[in-house]
PDB file of N, CA and C in Angstrom:
ATOM      1  N   MET A   1       0.812  -1.184   0.000  1.00  0.00           N
ATOM      2  CA  MET A   1       0.000   0.000   0.000  1.00  0.00           C
ATOM      3  C   MET A   1       0.863   1.259   0.000  1.00  0.00           C
ATOM      4  N   ARG A   2       1.966   1.161   0.747  1.00  0.00           N
ATOM      5  CA  ARG A   2       2.855   2.302   0.846  1.00  0.00           C
ATOM      6  C   ARG A   2       3.533   2.579  -0.488  1.00  0.00           C
ATOM      7  N   ALA A   3       3.890   1.535  -1.254  1.00  0.00           N
ATOM      8  CA  ALA A   3       4.525   1.704  -2.568  1.00  0.00           C
ATOM      9  C   ALA A   3       3.579   2.405  -3.530  1.00  0.00           C
ATOM     10  N   ALA A   4       2.295   2.070  -3.467  1.00  0.00           N
ATOM     11  CA  ALA A   4       1.303   2.716  -4.338  1.00  0.00           C
ATOM     12  C   ALA A   4       1.180   4.196  -3.991  1.00  0.00           C
ATOM     13  N   ALA A   5       1.228   4.520  -2.720  1.00  0.00           N
ATOM     14  CA  ALA A   5       1.135   5.924  -2.306  1.00  0.00           C
ATOM     15  C   ALA A   5       2.357   6.704  -2.761  1.00  0.00           C
ATOM     16  N   ASN A   6       3.541   6.074  -2.641  1.00  0.00           N
ATOM     17  CA  ASN A   6       4.757   6.744  -3.100  1.00  0.00           C
ATOM     18  C   ASN A   6       4.715   6.974  -4.625  1.00  0.00           C
ATOM     19  N   TRP A   7       4.193   5.977  -5.365  1.00  0.00           N
ATOM     20  CA  TRP A   7       4.099   6.102  -6.827  1.00  0.00           C
ATOM     21  C   TRP A   7       3.150   7.232  -7.208  1.00  0.00           C
ATOM     22  N   ALA A   8       2.023   7.341  -6.520  1.00  0.00           N
ATOM     23  CA  ALA A   8       1.050   8.398  -6.795  1.00  0.00           C
ATOM     24  C   ALA A   8       1.653   9.774  -6.485  1.00  0.00           C
ATOM     25  N   LYS A   9       2.417   9.861  -5.422  1.00  0.00           N
ATOM     26  CA  LYS A   9       3.060  11.121  -5.046  1.00  0.00           C
ATOM     27  C   LYS A   9       4.102  11.521  -6.097  1.00  0.00           C
ATOM     28  N   ALA A  10       4.885  10.541  -6.566  1.00  0.00           N
ATOM     29  CA  ALA A  10       5.899  10.823  -7.585  1.00  0.00           C
ATOM     30  C   ALA A  10       5.244  11.261  -8.898  1.00  0.00           C
ATOM     31  N   ARG A  11       4.124  10.634  -9.243  1.00  0.00           N
ATOM     32  CA  ARG A  11       3.422  11.012 -10.476  1.00  0.00           C
ATOM     33  C   ARG A  11       2.892  12.440 -10.396  1.00  0.00           C
ATOM     34  N   ARG A  12       2.316  12.797  -9.263  1.00  0.00           N
ATOM     35  CA  ARG A  12       1.815  14.171  -9.097  1.00  0.00           C
ATOM     36  C   ARG A  12       2.956  15.169  -9.198  1.00  0.00           C
ATOM     37  N   ARG A  13       4.099  14.818  -8.636  1.00  0.00           N
ATOM     38  CA  ARG A  13       5.253  15.718  -8.658  1.00  0.00           C
ATOM     39  C   ARG A  13       5.764  15.921 -10.088  1.00  0.00           C
ATOM     40  N   LEU A  14       5.816  14.835 -10.864  1.00  0.00           N
ATOM     41  CA  LEU A  14       6.289  14.944 -12.249  1.00  0.00           C
ATOM     42  C   LEU A  14       5.323  15.722 -13.133  1.00  0.00           C
ATOM     43  N   LEU A  15       4.033  15.644 -12.836  1.00  0.00           N
ATOM     44  CA  LEU A  15       3.034  16.335 -13.650  1.00  0.00           C
ATOM     45  C   LEU A  15       2.953  17.828 -13.332  1.00  0.00           C
ATOM     46  N   ARG A  16       3.521  18.259 -12.218  1.00  0.00           N
ATOM     47  CA  ARG A  16       3.509  19.682 -11.846  1.00  0.00           C
ATOM     48  C   ARG A  16       4.940  20.203 -11.811  1.00  0.00           C
ATOM     49  N   PRO A  17       5.403  20.849 -12.908  1.00  0.00           N
ATOM     50  CA  PRO A  17       6.791  21.316 -12.949  1.00  0.00           C
ATOM     51  C   PRO A  17       7.114  22.348 -11.866  1.00  0.00           C
ATOM     52  N   GLY A  18       6.109  23.028 -11.337  1.00  0.00           N
ATOM     53  CA  GLY A  18       6.362  24.002 -10.274  1.00  0.00           C
ATOM     54  C   GLY A  18       6.914  23.351  -9.008  1.00  0.00           C
ATOM     55  N   SER A  19       6.673  22.060  -8.826  1.00  0.00           N
ATOM     56  CA  SER A  19       7.165  21.367  -7.642  1.00  0.00           C
ATOM     57  C   SER A  19       8.528  20.709  -7.892  1.00  0.00           C
ATOM     58  N   TRP A  20       9.071  20.840  -9.064  1.00  0.00           N
ATOM     59  CA  TRP A  20      10.375  20.249  -9.387  1.00  0.00           C
ATOM     60  C   TRP A  20      11.490  21.031  -8.692  1.00  0.00           C
ATOM     61  N   PRO A  21      12.603  20.407  -8.418  1.00  0.00           N
ATOM     62  CA  PRO A  21      13.755  21.160  -7.898  1.00  0.00           C
ATOM     63  C   PRO A  21      14.247  22.159  -8.962  1.00  0.00           C
ATOM     64  N   LEU A  22      14.925  23.194  -8.481  1.00  0.00           N
ATOM     65  CA  LEU A  22      15.367  24.267  -9.380  1.00  0.00           C
ATOM     66  C   LEU A  22      16.260  23.729 -10.496  1.00  0.00           C
ATOM     67  N   ARG A  23      17.141  22.789 -10.205  1.00  0.00           N
ATOM     68  CA  ARG A  23      18.018  22.230 -11.238  1.00  0.00           C
ATOM     69  C   ARG A  23      17.228  21.555 -12.347  1.00  0.00           C
ATOM     70  N   TRP A  24      16.173  20.843 -11.984  1.00  0.00           N
ATOM     71  CA  TRP A  24      15.346  20.166 -12.989  1.00  0.00           C
ATOM     72  C   TRP A  24      14.646  21.190 -13.877  1.00  0.00           C
ATOM     73  N   ARG A  25      14.130  22.251 -13.262  1.00  0.00           N
ATOM     74  CA  ARG A  25      13.443  23.280 -14.052  1.00  0.00           C
ATOM     75  C   ARG A  25      14.403  23.981 -15.002  1.00  0.00           C
ATOM     76  N   LEU A  26      15.621  24.293 -14.509  1.00  0.00           N
ATOM     77  CA  LEU A  26      16.611  24.920 -15.394  1.00  0.00           C
ATOM     78  C   LEU A  26      17.010  23.982 -16.531  1.00  0.00           C
ATOM     79  N   ALA A  27      17.166  22.699 -16.233  1.00  0.00           N
ATOM     80  CA  ALA A  27      17.512  21.723 -17.267  1.00  0.00           C
ATOM     81  C   ALA A  27      16.391  21.613 -18.295  1.00  0.00           C
ATOM     82  N   ALA A  28      15.129  21.624 -17.847  1.00  0.00           N
ATOM     83  CA  ALA A  28      13.993  21.533 -18.770  1.00  0.00           C
ATOM     84  C   ALA A  28      13.909  22.762 -19.672  1.00  0.00           C
ATOM     85  N   VAL A  29      14.120  23.949 -19.094  1.00  0.00           N
ATOM     86  CA  VAL A  29      14.093  25.178 -19.901  1.00  0.00           C
ATOM     87  C   VAL A  29      15.239  25.176 -20.905  1.00  0.00           C
ATOM     88  N   SER A  30      16.416  24.770 -20.479  1.00  0.00           N
ATOM     89  CA  SER A  30      17.570  24.708 -21.368  1.00  0.00           C
ATOM     90  C   SER A  30      17.333  23.723 -22.510  1.00  0.00           C
ATOM     91  N   ALA A  31      16.797  22.551 -22.182  1.00  0.00           N
ATOM     92  CA  ALA A  31      16.510  21.550 -23.220  1.00  0.00           C
ATOM     93  C   ALA A  31      15.446  22.056 -24.185  1.00  0.00           C
ATOM     94  N   GLY A  32      14.432  22.728 -23.671  1.00  0.00           N
ATOM     95  CA  GLY A  32      13.378  23.275 -24.536  1.00  0.00           C
ATOM     96  C   GLY A  32      13.907  24.338 -25.481  1.00  0.00           C
ATOM     97  N   LEU A  33      14.733  25.242 -24.961  1.00  0.00           N
ATOM     98  CA  LEU A  33      15.315  26.281 -25.815  1.00  0.00           C
ATOM     99  C   LEU A  33      16.245  25.683 -26.865  1.00  0.00           C
ATOM    100  N   THR A  34      17.035  24.689 -26.473  1.00  0.00           N
ATOM    101  CA  THR A  34      17.926  24.026 -27.432  1.00  0.00           C
ATOM    102  C   THR A  34      17.113  23.371 -28.540  1.00  0.00           C
ATOM    103  N   LEU A  35      16.033  22.693 -28.175  1.00  0.00           N
ATOM    104  CA  LEU A  35      15.170  22.062 -29.171  1.00  0.00           C
ATOM    105  C   LEU A  35      14.577  23.095 -30.122  1.00  0.00           C
ATOM    106  N   ALA A  36      14.083  24.201 -29.579  1.00  0.00           N
ATOM    107  CA  ALA A  36      13.488  25.248 -30.419  1.00  0.00           C
ATOM    108  C   ALA A  36      14.521  25.835 -31.385  1.00  0.00           C
ATOM    109  N   ILE A  37      15.723  26.104 -30.897  1.00  0.00           N
ATOM    110  CA  ILE A  37      16.776  26.666 -31.749  1.00  0.00           C
ATOM    111  C   ILE A  37      17.162  25.692 -32.854  1.00  0.00           C
ATOM    112  N   LEU A  38      17.321  24.420 -32.509  1.00  0.00           N
ATOM    113  CA  LEU A  38      17.689  23.423 -33.519  1.00  0.00           C
ATOM    114  C   LEU A  38      16.593  23.246 -34.568  1.00  0.00           C
ATOM    115  N   LEU A  39      15.332  23.225 -34.148  1.00  0.00           N
ATOM    116  CA  LEU A  39      14.231  23.103 -35.108  1.00  0.00           C
ATOM    117  C   LEU A  39      14.159  24.319 -36.033  1.00  0.00           C
ATOM    118  N   LEU A  40      14.331  25.501 -35.483  1.00  0.00           N
ATOM    119  CA  LEU A  40      14.314  26.720 -36.293  1.00  0.00           C
ATOM    120  C   LEU A  40      15.482  26.726 -37.278  1.00  0.00           C
ATOM    121  N   PHE A  41      16.665  26.397 -36.811  1.00  0.00           N
ATOM    122  CA  PHE A  41      17.848  26.352 -37.667  1.00  0.00           C
ATOM    123  C   PHE A  41      17.663  25.326 -38.781  1.00  0.00           C
ATOM    124  N   GLY A  42      17.171  24.138 -38.443  1.00  0.00           N
ATOM    125  CA  GLY A  42      16.941  23.111 -39.456  1.00  0.00           C
ATOM    126  C   GLY A  42      15.914  23.538 -40.477  1.00  0.00           C
ATOM    127  N   GLY A  43      14.861  24.197 -40.037  1.00  0.00           N
ATOM    128  CA  GLY A  43      13.836  24.682 -40.969  1.00  0.00           C
ATOM    129  C   GLY A  43      14.372  25.731 -41.930  1.00  0.00           C
ATOM    130  N   VAL A  44      15.146  26.669 -41.408  1.00  0.00           N
ATOM    131  CA  VAL A  44      15.705  27.730 -42.261  1.00  0.00           C
ATOM    132  C   VAL A  44      16.694  27.142 -43.266  1.00  0.00           C
ATOM    133  N   ILE A  45      17.600  26.302 -42.811  1.00  0.00           N
ATOM    134  CA  ILE A  45      18.580  25.686 -43.710  1.00  0.00           C
ATOM    135  C   ILE A  45      17.874  24.824 -44.754  1.00  0.00           C
ATOM    136  N   GLY A  46      16.846  24.093 -44.355  1.00  0.00           N
ATOM    137  CA  GLY A  46      16.088  23.268 -45.298  1.00  0.00           C
ATOM    138  C   GLY A  46      15.422  24.106 -46.375  1.00  0.00           C
ATOM    139  N   GLN A  47      14.842  25.230 -45.999  1.00  0.00           N
ATOM    140  CA  GLN A  47      14.195  26.101 -46.979  1.00  0.00           C
ATOM    141  C   GLN A  47      15.204  26.717 -47.941  1.00  0.00           C
ATOM    142  N   VAL A  48      16.339  27.166 -47.419  1.00  0.00           N
ATOM    143  CA  VAL A  48      17.370  27.763 -48.271  1.00  0.00           C
ATOM    144  C   VAL A  48      17.909  26.736 -49.269  1.00  0.00           C
ATOM    145  N   ALA A  49      18.196  25.539 -48.787  1.00  0.00           N
ATOM    146  CA  ALA A  49      18.719  24.496 -49.678  1.00  0.00           C
ATOM    147  C   ALA A  49      17.688  24.098 -50.725  1.00  0.00           C
ATOM    148  N   THR A  50      16.446  23.955 -50.324  1.00  0.00           N
ATOM    149  CA  THR A  50      15.390  23.587 -51.269  1.00  0.00           C
ATOM    150  C   THR A  50      15.229  24.650 -52.349  1.00  0.00           C
ATOM    151  N   GLN A  51      15.216  25.912 -51.949  1.00  0.00           N
ATOM    152  CA  GLN A  51      15.052  26.990 -52.926  1.00  0.00           C
ATOM    153  C   GLN A  51      16.232  27.049 -53.893  1.00  0.00           C
ATOM    154  N   ARG A  52      17.418  26.827 -53.394  1.00  0.00           N
ATOM    155  CA  ARG A  52      18.596  26.856 -54.260  1.00  0.00           C
ATOM    156  C   ARG A  52      18.571  25.710 -55.274  1.00  0.00           C
ATOM    157  N   ILE A  53      18.189  24.524 -54.839  1.00  0.00           N
ATOM    158  CA  ILE A  53      18.099  23.380 -55.748  1.00  0.00           C
ATOM    159  C   ILE A  53      17.046  23.636 -56.814  1.00  0.00           C
ATOM    160  N   ARG A  54      15.903  24.181 -56.421  1.00  0.00           N
ATOM    161  CA  ARG A  54      14.848  24.486 -57.404  1.00  0.00           C
ATOM    162  C   ARG A  54      15.308  25.544 -58.400  1.00  0.00           C
ATOM    163  N   ASP A  55      15.977  26.581 -57.919  1.00  0.00           N
ATOM    164  CA  ASP A  55      16.459  27.629 -58.817  1.00  0.00           C
ATOM    165  C   ASP A  55      17.484  27.084 -59.809  1.00  0.00           C
ATOM    166  N   ASP A  56      18.398  26.234 -59.338  1.00  0.00           N
ATOM    167  CA  ASP A  56      19.393  25.628 -60.231  1.00  0.00           C
ATOM    168  C   ASP A  56      18.721  24.761 -61.288  1.00  0.00           C
ATOM    169  N   PHE A  57      17.753  23.959 -60.884  1.00  0.00           N
ATOM    170  CA  PHE A  57      17.041  23.095 -61.832  1.00  0.00           C
ATOM    171  C   PHE A  57      16.294  23.931 -62.863  1.00  0.00           C
ATOM    172  N   ASN A  58      15.576  24.949 -62.400  1.00  0.00           N
ATOM    173  CA  ASN A  58      14.826  25.799 -63.336  1.00  0.00           C
ATOM    174  C   ASN A  58      15.747  26.511 -64.312  1.00  0.00           C
ATOM    175  N   GLY A  59      16.920  26.942 -63.844  1.00  0.00           N
ATOM    176  CA  GLY A  59      17.888  27.582 -64.739  1.00  0.00           C
ATOM    177  C   GLY A  59      18.411  26.626 -65.792  1.00  0.00           C
ATOM    178  N   GLU A  60      18.694  25.387 -65.401  1.00  0.00           N
ATOM    179  CA  GLU A  60      19.175  24.396 -66.365  1.00  0.00           C
ATOM    180  C   GLU A  60      18.108  24.066 -67.400  1.00  0.00           C
ATOM    181  N   VAL A  61      16.863  23.919 -66.956  1.00  0.00           N
ATOM    182  CA  VAL A  61      15.771  23.614 -67.889  1.00  0.00           C
ATOM    183  C   VAL A  61      15.556  24.782 -68.841  1.00  0.00           C
ATOM    184  N   GLU A  62      15.587  25.996 -68.336  1.00  0.00           N
ATOM    185  CA  GLU A  62      15.387  27.168 -69.185  1.00  0.00           C
ATOM    186  C   GLU A  62      16.493  27.282 -70.232  1.00  0.00           C
ATOM    187  N   GLY A  63      17.733  27.019 -69.835  1.00  0.00           N
ATOM    188  CA  GLY A  63      18.841  27.057 -70.787  1.00  0.00           C
ATOM    189  C   GLY A  63      18.705  25.993 -71.863  1.00  0.00           C
ATOM    190  N   ALA A  64      18.294  24.783 -71.483  1.00  0.00           N
ATOM    191  CA  ALA A  64      18.107  23.705 -72.460  1.00  0.00           C
ATOM    192  C   ALA A  64      16.983  24.043 -73.433  1.00  0.00           C
ATOM    193  N   VAL A  65      15.914  24.631 -72.934  1.00  0.00           N
ATOM    194  CA  VAL A  65      14.787  25.006 -73.797  1.00  0.00           C
ATOM    195  C   VAL A  65      15.215  26.086 -74.780  1.00  0.00           C
ATOM    196  N   GLN A  66      15.987  27.046 -74.329  1.00  0.00           N
ATOM    197  CA  GLN A  66      16.446  28.115 -75.224  1.00  0.00           C
ATOM    198  C   GLN A  66      17.370  27.568 -76.306  1.00  0.00           C
ATOM    199  N   ARG A  67      18.270  26.636 -75.940  1.00  0.00           N
ATOM    200  CA  ARG A  67      19.151  26.027 -76.950  1.00  0.00           C
ATOM    201  C   ARG A  67      18.347  25.207 -77.953  1.00  0.00           C
ATOM    202  N   LEU A  68      17.376  24.460 -77.457  1.00  0.00           N
ATOM    203  CA  LEU A  68      16.539  23.646 -78.338  1.00  0.00           C
ATOM    204  C   LEU A  68      15.732  24.532 -79.280  1.00  0.00           C
ATOM    205  N   ALA A  69      15.174  25.601 -78.773  1.00  0.00           N
ATOM    206  CA  ALA A  69      14.390  26.512 -79.615  1.00  0.00           C
ATOM    207  C   ALA A  69      15.262  27.176 -80.676  1.00  0.00           C
ATOM    208  N   ALA A  70      16.515  27.457 -80.344  1.00  0.00           N
ATOM    209  CA  ALA A  70      17.408  28.092 -81.318  1.00  0.00           C
ATOM    210  C   ALA A  70      17.816  27.122 -82.423  1.00  0.00           C
ATOM    211  N   GLU A  71      17.864  25.825 -82.143  1.00  0.00           N
ATOM    212  CA  GLU A  71      18.307  24.835 -83.124  1.00  0.00           C
ATOM    213  C   GLU A  71      17.159  24.225 -83.922  1.00  0.00           C
ATOM    214  N   LEU A  72      15.927  24.407 -83.495  1.00  0.00           N
ATOM    215  CA  LEU A  72      14.773  23.792 -84.141  1.00  0.00           C
ATOM    216  C   LEU A  72      14.317  24.627 -85.334  1.00  0.00           C
ATOM    217  N   ARG A  73      14.060  23.975 -86.462  1.00  0.00           N
ATOM    218  CA  ARG A  73      13.601  24.661 -87.675  1.00  0.00           C
ATOM    219  C   ARG A  73      12.344  23.958 -88.175  1.00  0.00           C
ATOM    220  N   ILE A  74      11.302  24.747 -88.471  1.00  0.00           N
ATOM    221  CA  ILE A  74      10.055  24.211 -89.029  1.00  0.00           C
ATOM    222  C   ILE A  74       9.875  24.829 -90.407  1.00  0.00           C
ATOM    223  N   VAL A  75       9.723  23.956 -91.425  1.00  0.00           N
ATOM    224  CA  VAL A  75       9.613  24.412 -92.805  1.00  0.00           C
ATOM    225  C   VAL A  75       8.283  23.931 -93.363  1.00  0.00           C
ATOM    226  N   ASN A  76       7.563  24.833 -94.011  1.00  0.00           N
ATOM    227  CA  ASN A  76       6.316  24.486 -94.677  1.00  0.00           C
ATOM    228  C   ASN A  76       6.652  24.018 -96.088  1.00  0.00           C
ATOM    229  N   THR A  77       6.274  22.793 -96.435  1.00  0.00           N
ATOM    230  CA  THR A  77       6.606  22.235 -97.755  1.00  0.00           C
ATOM    231  C   THR A  77       5.506  22.565 -98.760  1.00  0.00           C
ATOM    232  N   PRO A  78       5.796  22.439-100.058  1.00  0.00           N
ATOM    233  CA  PRO A  78       4.781  22.729-101.083  1.00  0.00           C
ATOM    234  C   PRO A  78       3.573  21.787-101.002  1.00  0.00           C
ATOM    235  N   THR A  79       3.744  20.619-100.402  1.00  0.00           N
ATOM    236  CA  THR A  79       2.618  19.682-100.308  1.00  0.00           C
ATOM    237  C   THR A  79       1.688  20.007 -99.144  1.00  0.00           C
ATOM    238  N   GLY A  80       2.009  21.000 -98.369  1.00  0.00           N
ATOM    239  CA  GLY A  80       1.149  21.406 -97.256  1.00  0.00           C
ATOM    240  C   GLY A  80       1.494  20.749 -95.929  1.00  0.00           C
ATOM    241  N   SER A  81       2.550  20.009 -95.876  1.00  0.00           N
ATOM    242  CA  SER A  81       2.948  19.401 -94.605  1.00  0.00           C
ATOM    243  C   SER A  81       4.107  20.186 -94.006  1.00  0.00           C
ATOM    244  N   LEU A  82       4.324  19.982 -92.742  1.00  0.00           N
ATOM    245  CA  LEU A  82       5.405  20.683 -92.041  1.00  0.00           C
ATOM    246  C   LEU A  82       6.589  19.746 -91.883  1.00  0.00           C
ATOM    247  N   LEU A  83       7.750  20.267 -92.155  1.00  0.00           N
ATOM    248  CA  LEU A  83       8.983  19.514 -91.983  1.00  0.00           C
ATOM    249  C   LEU A  83       9.710  20.119 -90.782  1.00  0.00           C
ATOM    250  N   ILE A  84       9.941  19.296 -89.766  1.00  0.00           N
ATOM    251  CA  ILE A  84      10.594  19.775 -88.549  1.00  0.00           C
ATOM    252  C   ILE A  84      11.996  19.189 -88.506  1.00  0.00           C
ATOM    253  N   ARG A  85      12.988  20.067 -88.435  1.00  0.00           N
ATOM    254  CA  ARG A  85      14.378  19.625 -88.341  1.00  0.00           C
ATOM    255  C   ARG A  85      14.993  20.217 -87.080  1.00  0.00           C
ATOM    256  N   GLY A  86      15.738  19.384 -86.407  1.00  0.00           N
ATOM    257  CA  GLY A  86      16.381  19.849 -85.195  1.00  0.00           C
ATOM    258  C   GLY A  86      17.118  18.718 -84.518  1.00  0.00           C
ATOM    259  N   PRO A  87      17.662  19.002 -83.398  1.00  0.00           N
ATOM    260  CA  PRO A  87      18.400  17.965 -82.667  1.00  0.00           C
ATOM    261  C   PRO A  87      17.436  16.914 -82.121  1.00  0.00           C
ATOM    262  N   GLY A  88      17.971  15.736 -81.864  1.00  0.00           N
ATOM    263  CA  GLY A  88      17.158  14.689 -81.249  1.00  0.00           C
ATOM    264  C   GLY A  88      16.823  15.053 -79.812  1.00  0.00           C
ATOM    265  N   LEU A  89      15.616  14.762 -79.412  1.00  0.00           N
ATOM    266  CA  LEU A  89      15.208  15.094 -78.047  1.00  0.00           C
ATOM    267  C   LEU A  89      15.912  14.239 -77.009  1.00  0.00           C
ATOM    268  N   ASN A  90      16.464  13.097 -77.426  1.00  0.00           N
ATOM    269  CA  ASN A  90      17.182  12.258 -76.461  1.00  0.00           C
ATOM    270  C   ASN A  90      18.377  12.995 -75.861  1.00  0.00           C
ATOM    271  N   ASP A  91      18.950  13.925 -76.609  1.00  0.00           N
ATOM    272  CA  ASP A  91      20.076  14.704 -76.089  1.00  0.00           C
ATOM    273  C   ASP A  91      19.641  15.594 -74.922  1.00  0.00           C
ATOM    274  N   TYR A  92      18.355  15.913 -74.874  1.00  0.00           N
ATOM    275  CA  TYR A  92      17.855  16.817 -73.849  1.00  0.00           C
ATOM    276  C   TYR A  92      17.205  16.093 -72.675  1.00  0.00           C
ATOM    277  N   VAL A  93      16.777  14.878 -72.862  1.00  0.00           N
ATOM    278  CA  VAL A  93      16.066  14.190 -71.788  1.00  0.00           C
ATOM    279  C   VAL A  93      16.945  13.244 -70.985  1.00  0.00           C
ATOM    280  N   LEU A  94      18.167  12.972 -71.423  1.00  0.00           N
ATOM    281  CA  LEU A  94      19.053  12.087 -70.671  1.00  0.00           C
ATOM    282  C   LEU A  94      19.659  12.832 -69.484  1.00  0.00           C
ATOM    283  N   PRO A  95      19.808  12.180 -68.354  1.00  0.00           N
ATOM    284  CA  PRO A  95      20.509  12.819 -67.236  1.00  0.00           C
ATOM    285  C   PRO A  95      21.997  12.967 -67.569  1.00  0.00           C
ATOM    286  N   ASN A  96      22.732  13.654 -66.742  1.00  0.00           N
ATOM    287  CA  ASN A  96      24.139  13.959 -67.010  1.00  0.00           C
ATOM    288  C   ASN A  96      24.975  12.727 -67.326  1.00  0.00           C
ATOM    289  N   ASP A  97      24.865  11.693 -66.538  1.00  0.00           N
ATOM    290  CA  ASP A  97      25.681  10.501 -66.744  1.00  0.00           C
ATOM    291  C   ASP A  97      24.846   9.335 -67.239  1.00  0.00           C
ATOM    292  N   GLY A  98      23.755   9.614 -67.943  1.00  0.00           N
ATOM    293  CA  GLY A  98      22.872   8.554 -68.420  1.00  0.00           C
ATOM    294  C   GLY A  98      23.466   7.845 -69.626  1.00  0.00           C
ATOM    295  N   ALA A  99      22.921   6.700 -69.909  1.00  0.00           N
ATOM    296  CA  ALA A  99      23.350   5.934 -71.074  1.00  0.00           C
ATOM    297  C   ALA A  99      22.144   5.723 -71.974  1.00  0.00           C
ATOM    298  N   ARG A 100      22.359   5.753 -73.273  1.00  0.00           N
ATOM    299  CA  ARG A 100      21.274   5.541 -74.223  1.00  0.00           C
ATOM    300  C   ARG A 100      21.465   4.190 -74.876  1.00  0.00           C
ATOM    301  N   VAL A 101      20.396   3.428 -74.932  1.00  0.00           N
ATOM    302  CA  VAL A 101      20.429   2.117 -75.570  1.00  0.00           C
ATOM    303  C   VAL A 101      20.074   2.313 -77.043  1.00  0.00           C
ATOM    304  N   PRO A 102      20.952   1.873 -77.968  1.00  0.00           N
ATOM    305  CA  PRO A 102      20.656   2.063 -79.390  1.00  0.00           C
ATOM    306  C   PRO A 102      19.429   1.262 -79.817  1.00  0.00           C
ATOM    307  N   THR A 103      18.548   1.905 -80.570  1.00  0.00           N
ATOM    308  CA  THR A 103      17.362   1.242 -81.106  1.00  0.00           C
ATOM    309  C   THR A 103      17.228   1.604 -82.576  1.00  0.00           C
ATOM    310  N   ALA A 104      16.295   0.961 -83.254  1.00  0.00           N
ATOM    311  CA  ALA A 104      16.058   1.261 -84.664  1.00  0.00           C
ATOM    312  C   ALA A 104      15.552   2.692 -84.818  1.00  0.00           C
ATOM    313  N   ALA A 105      14.750   3.159 -83.863  1.00  0.00           N
ATOM    314  CA  ALA A 105      14.220   4.517 -83.941  1.00  0.00           C
ATOM    315  C   ALA A 105      15.338   5.547 -83.792  1.00  0.00           C
ATOM    316  N   ALA A 106      16.339   5.241 -82.972  1.00  0.00           N
ATOM    317  CA  ALA A 106      17.445   6.176 -82.784  1.00  0.00           C
ATOM    318  C   ALA A 106      18.297   6.274 -84.038  1.00  0.00           C
ATOM    319  N   ALA A 107      18.307   5.200 -84.827  1.00  0.00           N
ATOM    320  CA  ALA A 107      19.099   5.214 -86.054  1.00  0.00           C
ATOM    321  C   ALA A 107      18.378   5.944 -87.177  1.00  0.00           C
ATOM    322  N   ALA A 108      17.094   6.177 -87.032  1.00  0.00           N
ATOM    323  CA  ALA A 108      16.315   6.854 -88.077  1.00  0.00           C
ATOM    324  C   ALA A 108      16.740   8.317 -88.175  1.00  0.00           C
ATOM    325  N   SER A 109      16.308   8.939 -89.241  1.00  0.00           N
ATOM    326  CA  SER A 109      16.651  10.339 -89.482  1.00  0.00           C
ATOM    327  C   SER A 109      16.080  11.232 -88.399  1.00  0.00           C
ATOM    328  N   ARG A 110      16.698  12.362 -88.203  1.00  0.00           N
ATOM    329  CA  ARG A 110      16.210  13.314 -87.206  1.00  0.00           C
ATOM    330  C   ARG A 110      15.241  14.298 -87.844  1.00  0.00           C
ATOM    331  N   THR A 111      14.633  13.908 -88.924  1.00  0.00           N
ATOM    332  CA  THR A 111      13.645  14.735 -89.601  1.00  0.00           C
ATOM    333  C   THR A 111      12.272  14.122 -89.361  1.00  0.00           C
ATOM    334  N   CYS A 112      11.303  14.960 -89.057  1.00  0.00           N
ATOM    335  CA  CYS A 112       9.963  14.486 -88.735  1.00  0.00           C
ATOM    336  C   CYS A 112       8.963  15.163 -89.675  1.00  0.00           C
ATOM    337  N   TRP A 113       8.030  14.398 -90.205  1.00  0.00           N
ATOM    338  CA  TRP A 113       6.982  14.933 -91.074  1.00  0.00           C
ATOM    339  C   TRP A 113       5.674  14.998 -90.299  1.00  0.00           C
ATOM    340  N   ILE A 114       5.009  16.127 -90.400  1.00  0.00           N
ATOM    341  CA  ILE A 114       3.693  16.275 -89.794  1.00  0.00           C
ATOM    342  C   ILE A 114       2.739  16.718 -90.887  1.00  0.00           C
ATOM    343  N   SER A 115       1.691  15.934 -91.155  1.00  0.00           N
ATOM    344  CA  SER A 115       0.729  16.343 -92.174  1.00  0.00           C
ATOM    345  C   SER A 115      -0.450  17.039 -91.506  1.00  0.00           C
ATOM    346  N   ARG A 116      -0.984  17.960 -92.220  1.00  0.00           N
ATOM    347  CA  ARG A 116      -2.119  18.725 -91.669  1.00  0.00           C
ATOM    348  C   ARG A 116      -3.411  18.042 -91.998  1.00  0.00           C
TER     349      ARG A 116
END
């Protein structure tokens, strides 16, 4: 019976920080402030890194689109169809160190016919 009373007393003491010894309260405040600072720092660094990665990606995509647009030529033929000449899109969709598997389509001409 006495052990149950001691357990109930200890539980009440832990649930009321005002009854904690001064060292415990200082340790709790210090731990709370450290946690808040670390969470804030991690959030700020995460946002900065994310924004930088997005900006770099968008810049690379914009540069590739501008190069592709400068090299692409569309010609209207006398038969009424459009002849599109330009670089293969595989050059633009492969990652930096990607590998391309040769296929029959890759060996075909880089000229495309579109009929209206």
